[in-house]
Amino acid sequence: MKKILILFGVVGVSFSAIFVRLSTVPSTVLVFYRVAMAALILCPVVVFKYKQELCRLRKKDIFWCILSGFFLGLHFILYFEALKFTSIASAVVLVDTEVFFVALSMLLLFREKISLIGWIGILATFIGSVLIACADAGGGSNVLLGDFLAFGGAIAMSAYTMIGKVCRKRLSTTVYTFFVYSAAAVTVLMVLLIGGTPVFADEPINWLTALGLAVICTLFGHSVFSWGLKYESASFISTVKLLEPVFSSVLGILLFGEIPGWMVILGGCVIILGIYLYSHFGEKPIKLCIKAER
């Protein structure tokens, strides 16, 4: 049941491409409104329902939550900036390397072993995302810089995931995500102000898309991932998130009539196979039962 809820979280995140397409402001501005609105929605819930937990918070807890939010905001900034310089294919593939950083971190820091079939599943999901990204391959104005930014986005996302794994051992999902989204909003806002980017969105469609991103993609997407970190391994969460382009393609068919090419379909099938392998065999050894002959 928990894995199914995490899948619903991936569906929520998959709507982000739809909302970004409908908006008219720069994507980083939309990110600011997304996390800021999510924090504002959570604020009264945290104040009135989780008052006792707030009183028990240690300074160390708040620090780690803020650091996690900083990395989330940094991920969004680096990823969208990467798209300005390199191809969507390169940016997506490099950001998706998060799954390897998380898996290695779980092995080195938490001694959580992944079986051979689990590694095969992770590799399969990554290859599937590469196939989908290649279907949208193109050039860029400064490919090396863009690739570097996208790679940094993967590192930032993996740090966000790993810190969340630690924080969720003590904190509820609501309190943790409130501090995370608040810190992410401050991080993105500071970058926008330093860069001189206008922050105000004057068209109603932008406020609606930002609200959709906040509720559907953030509260029903990223928050579900944060919730799942208490019950599933971080490497499983990061692997399942690679289903996002598959669900985004399905939404593209339903909402815009965009039929994906054969590489997208093939990549989606490979991703589903990889997630099946990881979810069933990834974190437990395969035991071969051989009946001894008498």
C-alpha atoms as a PDB file:
ATOM      1  CA  MET A   1       0.000   0.000   0.000  1.00  0.00           C
ATOM      2  CA  LYS A   2       2.838   2.391   0.851  1.00  0.00           C
ATOM      3  CA  LYS A   3       4.476   1.777  -2.529  1.00  0.00           C
ATOM      4  CA  ILE A   4       1.173   2.532  -4.278  1.00  0.00           C
ATOM      5  CA  LEU A   5       0.890   5.858  -2.440  1.00  0.00           C
ATOM      6  CA  ILE A   6       4.430   6.727  -3.529  1.00  0.00           C
ATOM      7  CA  LEU A   7       3.400   5.981  -7.115  1.00  0.00           C
ATOM      8  CA  PHE A   8       0.532   8.460  -6.704  1.00  0.00           C
ATOM      9  CA  GLY A   9       3.165  10.962  -5.587  1.00  0.00           C
ATOM     10  CA  VAL A  10       4.996  10.417  -8.882  1.00  0.00           C
ATOM     11  CA  VAL A  11       1.731  11.102 -10.730  1.00  0.00           C
ATOM     12  CA  GLY A  12       1.407  14.372  -8.825  1.00  0.00           C
ATOM     13  CA  VAL A  13       4.937  15.476  -9.720  1.00  0.00           C
ATOM     14  CA  SER A  14       4.305  14.509 -13.352  1.00  0.00           C
ATOM     15  CA  PHE A  15       1.783  17.331 -13.681  1.00  0.00           C
ATOM     16  CA  SER A  16       4.604  19.891 -13.340  1.00  0.00           C
ATOM     17  CA  ALA A  17       5.408  19.791 -17.064  1.00  0.00           C
ATOM     18  CA  ILE A  18       1.743  20.540 -17.833  1.00  0.00           C
ATOM     19  CA  PHE A  19       1.610  23.550 -15.504  1.00  0.00           C
ATOM     20  CA  VAL A  20       4.958  24.918 -16.709  1.00  0.00           C
ATOM     21  CA  ARG A  21       3.717  24.753 -20.303  1.00  0.00           C
ATOM     22  CA  LEU A  22       0.567  26.729 -19.431  1.00  0.00           C
ATOM     23  CA  SER A  23       2.433  29.524 -17.608  1.00  0.00           C
ATOM     24  CA  THR A  24       4.024  32.623 -19.145  1.00  0.00           C
ATOM     25  CA  VAL A  25       6.630  33.535 -16.498  1.00  0.00           C
ATOM     26  CA  PRO A  26      10.192  32.163 -16.240  1.00  0.00           C
ATOM     27  CA  SER A  27      10.253  28.673 -14.753  1.00  0.00           C
ATOM     28  CA  THR A  28      12.369  29.732 -11.760  1.00  0.00           C
ATOM     29  CA  VAL A  29       9.759  32.353 -10.839  1.00  0.00           C
ATOM     30  CA  LEU A  30       7.145  29.633 -11.027  1.00  0.00           C
ATOM     31  CA  VAL A  31       9.287  27.467  -8.728  1.00  0.00           C
ATOM     32  CA  PHE A  32       9.364  30.279  -6.150  1.00  0.00           C
ATOM     33  CA  TYR A  33       5.572  30.585  -6.134  1.00  0.00           C
ATOM     34  CA  ARG A  34       5.267  26.810  -6.059  1.00  0.00           C
ATOM     35  CA  VAL A  35       7.253  26.243  -2.865  1.00  0.00           C
ATOM     36  CA  ALA A  36       6.140  29.519  -1.242  1.00  0.00           C
ATOM     37  CA  MET A  37       2.456  28.694  -1.714  1.00  0.00           C
ATOM     38  CA  ALA A  38       3.012  25.164  -0.433  1.00  0.00           C
ATOM     39  CA  ALA A  39       4.655  26.568   2.720  1.00  0.00           C
ATOM     40  CA  LEU A  40       1.819  29.071   3.221  1.00  0.00           C
ATOM     41  CA  ILE A  41      -0.794  26.335   2.892  1.00  0.00           C
ATOM     42  CA  LEU A  42       1.013  24.216   5.483  1.00  0.00           C
ATOM     43  CA  CYS A  43       1.644  27.098   7.887  1.00  0.00           C
ATOM     44  CA  PRO A  44      -1.759  27.190   9.690  1.00  0.00           C
ATOM     45  CA  VAL A  45      -1.826  23.381   9.853  1.00  0.00           C
ATOM     46  CA  VAL A  46       1.604  23.306  11.498  1.00  0.00           C
ATOM     47  CA  VAL A  47       0.798  26.123  13.939  1.00  0.00           C
ATOM     48  CA  PHE A  48      -2.538  24.769  15.166  1.00  0.00           C
ATOM     49  CA  LYS A  49      -2.199  20.993  14.777  1.00  0.00           C
ATOM     50  CA  TYR A  50       1.498  20.400  15.391  1.00  0.00           C
ATOM     51  CA  LYS A  51       2.146  22.943  18.137  1.00  0.00           C
ATOM     52  CA  GLN A  52       3.500  20.327  20.549  1.00  0.00           C
ATOM     53  CA  GLU A  53       5.928  18.968  17.970  1.00  0.00           C
ATOM     54  CA  LEU A  54       7.130  22.498  17.230  1.00  0.00           C
ATOM     55  CA  CYS A  55       7.866  23.005  20.925  1.00  0.00           C
ATOM     56  CA  ARG A  56       9.919  19.792  20.993  1.00  0.00           C
ATOM     57  CA  LEU A  57      12.024  20.725  17.995  1.00  0.00           C
ATOM     58  CA  ARG A  58      15.745  20.949  18.569  1.00  0.00           C
ATOM     59  CA  LYS A  59      17.927  23.535  16.869  1.00  0.00           C
ATOM     60  CA  LYS A  60      19.631  20.655  15.089  1.00  0.00           C
ATOM     61  CA  ASP A  61      16.305  19.500  13.637  1.00  0.00           C
ATOM     62  CA  ILE A  62      15.521  22.960  12.269  1.00  0.00           C
ATOM     63  CA  PHE A  63      19.030  23.298  10.842  1.00  0.00           C
ATOM     64  CA  TRP A  64      18.766  20.018   8.897  1.00  0.00           C
ATOM     65  CA  CYS A  65      15.299  20.902   7.609  1.00  0.00           C
ATOM     66  CA  ILE A  66      16.537  24.277   6.376  1.00  0.00           C
ATOM     67  CA  LEU A  67      19.576  22.658   4.776  1.00  0.00           C
ATOM     68  CA  SER A  68      17.315  20.129   3.059  1.00  0.00           C
ATOM     69  CA  GLY A  69      15.149  22.968   1.725  1.00  0.00           C
ATOM     70  CA  PHE A  70      18.231  24.814   0.522  1.00  0.00           C
ATOM     71  CA  PHE A  71      19.271  21.779  -1.533  1.00  0.00           C
ATOM     72  CA  LEU A  72      15.746  21.405  -2.927  1.00  0.00           C
ATOM     73  CA  GLY A  73      15.717  25.044  -4.030  1.00  0.00           C
ATOM     74  CA  LEU A  74      19.247  24.680  -5.405  1.00  0.00           C
ATOM     75  CA  HIS A  75      18.167  21.629  -7.406  1.00  0.00           C
ATOM     76  CA  PHE A  76      15.318  23.551  -9.046  1.00  0.00           C
ATOM     77  CA  ILE A  77      17.590  26.509  -9.859  1.00  0.00           C
ATOM     78  CA  LEU A  78      20.410  24.408 -11.320  1.00  0.00           C
ATOM     79  CA  TYR A  79      18.066  22.220 -13.359  1.00  0.00           C
ATOM     80  CA  PHE A  80      16.148  25.093 -14.970  1.00  0.00           C
ATOM     81  CA  GLU A  81      19.341  27.039 -15.591  1.00  0.00           C
ATOM     82  CA  ALA A  82      20.847  23.951 -17.227  1.00  0.00           C
ATOM     83  CA  LEU A  83      17.955  23.881 -19.698  1.00  0.00           C
ATOM     84  CA  LYS A  84      19.039  27.313 -20.969  1.00  0.00           C
ATOM     85  CA  PHE A  85      22.443  26.034 -22.082  1.00  0.00           C
ATOM     86  CA  THR A  86      22.184  22.345 -22.905  1.00  0.00           C
ATOM     87  CA  SER A  87      19.615  20.045 -24.469  1.00  0.00           C
ATOM     88  CA  ILE A  88      16.632  18.736 -22.544  1.00  0.00           C
ATOM     89  CA  ALA A  89      18.006  15.247 -23.154  1.00  0.00           C
ATOM     90  CA  SER A  90      21.346  15.982 -21.500  1.00  0.00           C
ATOM     91  CA  ALA A  91      19.753  17.856 -18.597  1.00  0.00           C
ATOM     92  CA  VAL A  92      17.241  15.101 -17.838  1.00  0.00           C
ATOM     93  CA  VAL A  93      19.800  12.302 -18.065  1.00  0.00           C
ATOM     94  CA  LEU A  94      22.324  14.064 -15.838  1.00  0.00           C
ATOM     95  CA  VAL A  95      19.707  15.042 -13.236  1.00  0.00           C
ATOM     96  CA  ASP A  96      18.502  11.444 -13.196  1.00  0.00           C
ATOM     97  CA  THR A  97      21.942  10.325 -12.010  1.00  0.00           C
ATOM     98  CA  GLU A  98      20.554  11.236  -8.578  1.00  0.00           C
ATOM     99  CA  VAL A  99      19.461   7.610  -8.269  1.00  0.00           C
ATOM    100  CA  PHE A 100      23.085   6.441  -8.295  1.00  0.00           C
ATOM    101  CA  PHE A 101      24.227   9.059  -5.753  1.00  0.00           C
ATOM    102  CA  VAL A 102      21.419   8.058  -3.389  1.00  0.00           C
ATOM    103  CA  ALA A 103      22.044   4.323  -3.787  1.00  0.00           C
ATOM    104  CA  LEU A 104      25.760   4.726  -3.105  1.00  0.00           C
ATOM    105  CA  SER A 105      25.078   7.019  -0.133  1.00  0.00           C
ATOM    106  CA  MET A 106      22.685   4.475   1.368  1.00  0.00           C
ATOM    107  CA  LEU A 107      25.382   1.812   1.000  1.00  0.00           C
ATOM    108  CA  LEU A 108      28.267   3.875   2.406  1.00  0.00           C
ATOM    109  CA  LEU A 109      26.498   5.914   5.107  1.00  0.00           C
ATOM    110  CA  PHE A 110      23.685   3.650   6.276  1.00  0.00           C
ATOM    111  CA  ARG A 111      25.058   0.232   5.283  1.00  0.00           C
ATOM    112  CA  GLU A 112      21.802  -0.539   3.452  1.00  0.00           C
ATOM    113  CA  LYS A 113      22.750  -3.217   0.951  1.00  0.00           C
ATOM    114  CA  ILE A 114      21.163  -3.515  -2.474  1.00  0.00           C
ATOM    115  CA  SER A 115      21.066  -6.880  -4.195  1.00  0.00           C
ATOM    116  CA  LEU A 116      22.526  -7.489  -7.642  1.00  0.00           C
ATOM    117  CA  ILE A 117      19.046  -7.566  -9.168  1.00  0.00           C
ATOM    118  CA  GLY A 118      18.322  -4.315  -7.337  1.00  0.00           C
ATOM    119  CA  TRP A 119      21.302  -2.663  -9.040  1.00  0.00           C
ATOM    120  CA  ILE A 120      20.106  -4.087 -12.357  1.00  0.00           C
ATOM    121  CA  GLY A 121      16.705  -2.530 -11.682  1.00  0.00           C
ATOM    122  CA  ILE A 122      18.270   0.855 -10.918  1.00  0.00           C
ATOM    123  CA  LEU A 123      20.376   0.659 -14.073  1.00  0.00           C
ATOM    124  CA  ALA A 124      17.327  -0.322 -16.129  1.00  0.00           C
ATOM    125  CA  THR A 125      15.281   2.650 -14.890  1.00  0.00           C
ATOM    126  CA  PHE A 126      18.172   4.970 -15.696  1.00  0.00           C
ATOM    127  CA  ILE A 127      18.571   3.504 -19.197  1.00  0.00           C
ATOM    128  CA  GLY A 128      14.835   3.954 -19.703  1.00  0.00           C
ATOM    129  CA  SER A 129      15.065   7.618 -18.759  1.00  0.00           C
ATOM    130  CA  VAL A 130      18.007   7.987 -21.168  1.00  0.00           C
ATOM    131  CA  LEU A 131      15.881   6.571 -24.003  1.00  0.00           C
ATOM    132  CA  ILE A 132      13.048   8.980 -23.227  1.00  0.00           C
ATOM    133  CA  ALA A 133      15.455  11.905 -23.018  1.00  0.00           C
ATOM    134  CA  CYS A 134      17.096  10.976 -26.336  1.00  0.00           C
ATOM    135  CA  ALA A 135      13.711  11.282 -27.998  1.00  0.00           C
ATOM    136  CA  ASP A 136      13.912  14.989 -27.173  1.00  0.00           C
ATOM    137  CA  ALA A 137      17.595  15.467 -27.966  1.00  0.00           C
ATOM    138  CA  GLY A 138      18.796  18.811 -29.247  1.00  0.00           C
ATOM    139  CA  GLY A 139      21.587  21.328 -29.072  1.00  0.00           C
ATOM    140  CA  GLY A 140      22.402  24.131 -26.696  1.00  0.00           C
ATOM    141  CA  SER A 141      24.269  27.418 -26.490  1.00  0.00           C
ATOM    142  CA  ASN A 142      26.889  26.269 -23.965  1.00  0.00           C
ATOM    143  CA  VAL A 143      26.595  22.529 -23.603  1.00  0.00           C
ATOM    144  CA  LEU A 144      29.464  22.034 -21.138  1.00  0.00           C
ATOM    145  CA  LEU A 145      28.120  24.641 -18.708  1.00  0.00           C
ATOM    146  CA  GLY A 146      24.599  23.261 -19.015  1.00  0.00           C
ATOM    147  CA  ASP A 147      25.757  19.702 -18.355  1.00  0.00           C
ATOM    148  CA  PHE A 148      27.748  20.875 -15.338  1.00  0.00           C
ATOM    149  CA  LEU A 149      24.676  22.659 -13.915  1.00  0.00           C
ATOM    150  CA  ALA A 150      22.474  19.611 -14.487  1.00  0.00           C
ATOM    151  CA  PHE A 151      25.015  17.359 -12.773  1.00  0.00           C
ATOM    152  CA  GLY A 152      25.045  19.790  -9.840  1.00  0.00           C
ATOM    153  CA  GLY A 153      21.247  19.562  -9.788  1.00  0.00           C
ATOM    154  CA  ALA A 154      21.510  15.786  -9.392  1.00  0.00           C
ATOM    155  CA  ILE A 155      23.914  16.147  -6.452  1.00  0.00           C
ATOM    156  CA  ALA A 156      21.637  18.732  -4.811  1.00  0.00           C
ATOM    157  CA  MET A 157      18.588  16.488  -5.234  1.00  0.00           C
ATOM    158  CA  SER A 158      20.397  13.494  -3.761  1.00  0.00           C
ATOM    159  CA  ALA A 159      21.465  15.600  -0.756  1.00  0.00           C
ATOM    160  CA  TYR A 160      17.845  16.702  -0.288  1.00  0.00           C
ATOM    161  CA  THR A 161      16.685  13.076  -0.378  1.00  0.00           C
ATOM    162  CA  MET A 162      19.348  11.805   2.020  1.00  0.00           C
ATOM    163  CA  ILE A 163      18.809  14.581   4.566  1.00  0.00           C
ATOM    164  CA  GLY A 164      15.088  13.916   4.372  1.00  0.00           C
ATOM    165  CA  LYS A 165      15.717  10.271   5.221  1.00  0.00           C
ATOM    166  CA  VAL A 166      17.440  11.355   8.442  1.00  0.00           C
ATOM    167  CA  CYS A 167      14.936  14.088   9.382  1.00  0.00           C
ATOM    168  CA  ARG A 168      11.896  11.872   8.890  1.00  0.00           C
ATOM    169  CA  LYS A 169      13.080   9.561  11.667  1.00  0.00           C
ATOM    170  CA  ARG A 170      12.138  12.269  14.184  1.00  0.00           C
ATOM    171  CA  LEU A 171       9.783  14.671  12.437  1.00  0.00           C
ATOM    172  CA  SER A 172       6.310  14.367  10.986  1.00  0.00           C
ATOM    173  CA  THR A 173       5.883  14.865   7.250  1.00  0.00           C
ATOM    174  CA  THR A 174       3.948  18.116   7.718  1.00  0.00           C
ATOM    175  CA  VAL A 175       6.456  19.815  10.002  1.00  0.00           C
ATOM    176  CA  TYR A 176       9.429  18.635   7.960  1.00  0.00           C
ATOM    177  CA  THR A 177       7.999  19.730   4.608  1.00  0.00           C
ATOM    178  CA  PHE A 178       6.869  23.094   6.010  1.00  0.00           C
ATOM    179  CA  PHE A 179      10.433  24.018   6.929  1.00  0.00           C
ATOM    180  CA  VAL A 180      11.796  22.510   3.712  1.00  0.00           C
ATOM    181  CA  TYR A 181       9.455  24.421   1.395  1.00  0.00           C
ATOM    182  CA  SER A 182       9.987  27.645   3.359  1.00  0.00           C
ATOM    183  CA  ALA A 183      13.765  27.318   3.060  1.00  0.00           C
ATOM    184  CA  ALA A 184      13.489  26.418  -0.636  1.00  0.00           C
ATOM    185  CA  ALA A 185      11.325  29.502  -1.255  1.00  0.00           C
ATOM    186  CA  VAL A 186      13.877  31.776   0.455  1.00  0.00           C
ATOM    187  CA  THR A 187      16.713  30.169  -1.532  1.00  0.00           C
ATOM    188  CA  VAL A 188      14.990  30.663  -4.897  1.00  0.00           C
ATOM    189  CA  LEU A 189      13.850  34.197  -4.003  1.00  0.00           C
ATOM    190  CA  MET A 190      17.396  35.259  -3.104  1.00  0.00           C
ATOM    191  CA  VAL A 191      18.704  33.965  -6.447  1.00  0.00           C
ATOM    192  CA  LEU A 192      15.919  35.763  -8.343  1.00  0.00           C
ATOM    193  CA  LEU A 193      16.607  39.052  -6.553  1.00  0.00           C
ATOM    194  CA  ILE A 194      20.377  38.792  -7.065  1.00  0.00           C
ATOM    195  CA  GLY A 195      19.810  38.067 -10.753  1.00  0.00           C
ATOM    196  CA  GLY A 196      17.387  40.988 -11.117  1.00  0.00           C
ATOM    197  CA  THR A 197      14.553  38.749 -12.332  1.00  0.00           C
ATOM    198  CA  PRO A 198      11.056  40.278 -11.886  1.00  0.00           C
ATOM    199  CA  VAL A 199       9.240  38.194  -9.307  1.00  0.00           C
ATOM    200  CA  PHE A 200       5.663  39.448  -9.662  1.00  0.00           C
ATOM    201  CA  ALA A 201       3.352  37.391 -11.895  1.00  0.00           C
ATOM    202  CA  ASP A 202       0.749  39.711 -13.410  1.00  0.00           C
ATOM    203  CA  GLU A 203      -1.373  37.265 -15.415  1.00  0.00           C
ATOM    204  CA  PRO A 204      -4.067  35.158 -13.654  1.00  0.00           C
ATOM    205  CA  ILE A 205      -2.957  31.994 -15.485  1.00  0.00           C
ATOM    206  CA  ASN A 206       0.392  32.156 -13.693  1.00  0.00           C
ATOM    207  CA  TRP A 207      -1.228  32.303 -10.270  1.00  0.00           C
ATOM    208  CA  LEU A 208      -3.429  29.328 -11.185  1.00  0.00           C
ATOM    209  CA  THR A 209      -0.528  27.261 -12.522  1.00  0.00           C
ATOM    210  CA  ALA A 210       1.566  28.145  -9.453  1.00  0.00           C
ATOM    211  CA  LEU A 211      -1.294  27.012  -7.202  1.00  0.00           C
ATOM    212  CA  GLY A 212      -1.565  23.785  -9.180  1.00  0.00           C
ATOM    213  CA  LEU A 213       2.170  23.214  -8.797  1.00  0.00           C
ATOM    214  CA  ALA A 214       1.956  23.912  -5.064  1.00  0.00           C
ATOM    215  CA  VAL A 215      -0.983  21.608  -4.358  1.00  0.00           C
ATOM    216  CA  ILE A 216      -0.711  18.801  -6.906  1.00  0.00           C
ATOM    217  CA  CYS A 217       3.032  18.632  -7.616  1.00  0.00           C
ATOM    218  CA  THR A 218       4.418  19.706  -4.235  1.00  0.00           C
ATOM    219  CA  LEU A 219       1.942  18.756  -1.496  1.00  0.00           C
ATOM    220  CA  PHE A 220       0.646  15.655  -3.293  1.00  0.00           C
ATOM    221  CA  GLY A 221       3.999  14.934  -4.938  1.00  0.00           C
ATOM    222  CA  HIS A 222       7.175  15.866  -3.072  1.00  0.00           C
ATOM    223  CA  SER A 223       5.411  15.622   0.295  1.00  0.00           C
ATOM    224  CA  VAL A 224       4.438  12.041  -0.484  1.00  0.00           C
ATOM    225  CA  PHE A 225       8.102  11.276  -1.209  1.00  0.00           C
ATOM    226  CA  SER A 226       9.041  12.821   2.135  1.00  0.00           C
ATOM    227  CA  TRP A 227       6.356  10.748   3.842  1.00  0.00           C
ATOM    228  CA  GLY A 228       7.633   7.609   2.128  1.00  0.00           C
ATOM    229  CA  LEU A 229      11.203   8.157   3.318  1.00  0.00           C
ATOM    230  CA  LYS A 230      10.150   6.929   6.766  1.00  0.00           C
ATOM    231  CA  TYR A 231       8.922   3.598   5.417  1.00  0.00           C
ATOM    232  CA  GLU A 232      10.959   2.912   2.270  1.00  0.00           C
ATOM    233  CA  SER A 233      14.641   3.296   1.441  1.00  0.00           C
ATOM    234  CA  ALA A 234      15.854   6.515  -0.132  1.00  0.00           C
ATOM    235  CA  SER A 235      17.182   4.558  -3.107  1.00  0.00           C
ATOM    236  CA  PHE A 236      13.712   3.111  -3.752  1.00  0.00           C
ATOM    237  CA  ILE A 237      12.153   6.580  -3.658  1.00  0.00           C
ATOM    238  CA  SER A 238      14.732   8.011  -6.065  1.00  0.00           C
ATOM    239  CA  THR A 239      14.285   5.030  -8.399  1.00  0.00           C
ATOM    240  CA  VAL A 240      10.488   5.295  -8.505  1.00  0.00           C
ATOM    241  CA  LYS A 241      10.738   9.025  -9.273  1.00  0.00           C
ATOM    242  CA  LEU A 242      12.162   8.058 -12.671  1.00  0.00           C
ATOM    243  CA  LEU A 243       8.591   7.116 -13.616  1.00  0.00           C
ATOM    244  CA  GLU A 244       7.813  10.831 -13.912  1.00  0.00           C
ATOM    245  CA  PRO A 245       8.514  11.103 -17.680  1.00  0.00           C
ATOM    246  CA  VAL A 246       6.312   8.035 -18.259  1.00  0.00           C
ATOM    247  CA  PHE A 247       3.344   9.579 -16.471  1.00  0.00           C
ATOM    248  CA  SER A 248       4.072  12.955 -18.101  1.00  0.00           C
ATOM    249  CA  SER A 249       3.861  11.288 -21.518  1.00  0.00           C
ATOM    250  CA  VAL A 250       0.496   9.745 -20.600  1.00  0.00           C
ATOM    251  CA  LEU A 251      -0.788  13.148 -19.451  1.00  0.00           C
ATOM    252  CA  GLY A 252       0.467  14.651 -22.714  1.00  0.00           C
ATOM    253  CA  ILE A 253      -1.658  12.137 -24.618  1.00  0.00           C
ATOM    254  CA  LEU A 254      -4.766  12.778 -22.515  1.00  0.00           C
ATOM    255  CA  LEU A 255      -4.549  16.580 -22.330  1.00  0.00           C
ATOM    256  CA  PHE A 256      -2.788  17.632 -25.527  1.00  0.00           C
ATOM    257  CA  GLY A 257      -3.161  14.631 -27.822  1.00  0.00           C
ATOM    258  CA  GLU A 258       0.633  14.290 -28.055  1.00  0.00           C
ATOM    259  CA  ILE A 259       1.466  10.759 -29.149  1.00  0.00           C
ATOM    260  CA  PRO A 260       4.941   9.735 -27.921  1.00  0.00           C
ATOM    261  CA  GLY A 261       7.473   8.198 -30.290  1.00  0.00           C
ATOM    262  CA  TRP A 262       8.689   4.625 -30.147  1.00  0.00           C
ATOM    263  CA  MET A 263      11.756   5.555 -28.066  1.00  0.00           C
ATOM    264  CA  VAL A 264       9.541   7.092 -25.377  1.00  0.00           C
ATOM    265  CA  ILE A 265       7.353   3.987 -25.292  1.00  0.00           C
ATOM    266  CA  LEU A 266      10.381   1.691 -25.170  1.00  0.00           C
ATOM    267  CA  GLY A 267      11.992   3.807 -22.443  1.00  0.00           C
ATOM    268  CA  GLY A 268       8.786   3.732 -20.413  1.00  0.00           C
ATOM    269  CA  CYS A 269       8.621  -0.070 -20.621  1.00  0.00           C
ATOM    270  CA  VAL A 270      12.266  -0.364 -19.508  1.00  0.00           C
ATOM    271  CA  ILE A 271      11.645   1.991 -16.556  1.00  0.00           C
ATOM    272  CA  ILE A 272       8.616  -0.028 -15.441  1.00  0.00           C
ATOM    273  CA  LEU A 273      10.639  -3.244 -15.689  1.00  0.00           C
ATOM    274  CA  GLY A 274      13.477  -1.721 -13.658  1.00  0.00           C
ATOM    275  CA  ILE A 275      11.143  -0.501 -10.919  1.00  0.00           C
ATOM    276  CA  TYR A 276       9.470  -3.921 -10.787  1.00  0.00           C
ATOM    277  CA  LEU A 277      12.854  -5.610 -10.328  1.00  0.00           C
ATOM    278  CA  TYR A 278      13.943  -3.155  -7.636  1.00  0.00           C
ATOM    279  CA  SER A 279      10.657  -3.134  -5.702  1.00  0.00           C
ATOM    280  CA  HIS A 280      10.507  -6.944  -5.580  1.00  0.00           C
ATOM    281  CA  PHE A 281      14.173  -7.943  -5.298  1.00  0.00           C
ATOM    282  CA  GLY A 282      16.194  -4.772  -4.715  1.00  0.00           C
ATOM    283  CA  GLU A 283      16.704  -4.863  -0.965  1.00  0.00           C
ATOM    284  CA  LYS A 284      16.680  -8.566  -0.228  1.00  0.00           C
ATOM    285  CA  PRO A 285      18.931 -11.371  -1.457  1.00  0.00           C
ATOM    286  CA  ILE A 286      17.568 -13.969  -3.843  1.00  0.00           C
ATOM    287  CA  LYS A 287      17.579 -17.354  -2.176  1.00  0.00           C
ATOM    288  CA  LEU A 288      17.919 -20.339  -4.419  1.00  0.00           C
ATOM    289  CA  CYS A 289      16.317 -23.393  -2.860  1.00  0.00           C
ATOM    290  CA  ILE A 290      18.006 -26.540  -4.157  1.00  0.00           C
ATOM    291  CA  LYS A 291      16.664 -29.861  -2.999  1.00  0.00           C
ATOM    292  CA  ALA A 292      19.493 -32.152  -2.003  1.00  0.00           C
ATOM    293  CA  GLU A 293      19.535 -35.507  -3.673  1.00  0.00           C
ATOM    294  CA  ARG A 294      19.650 -38.522  -1.461  1.00  0.00           C
END
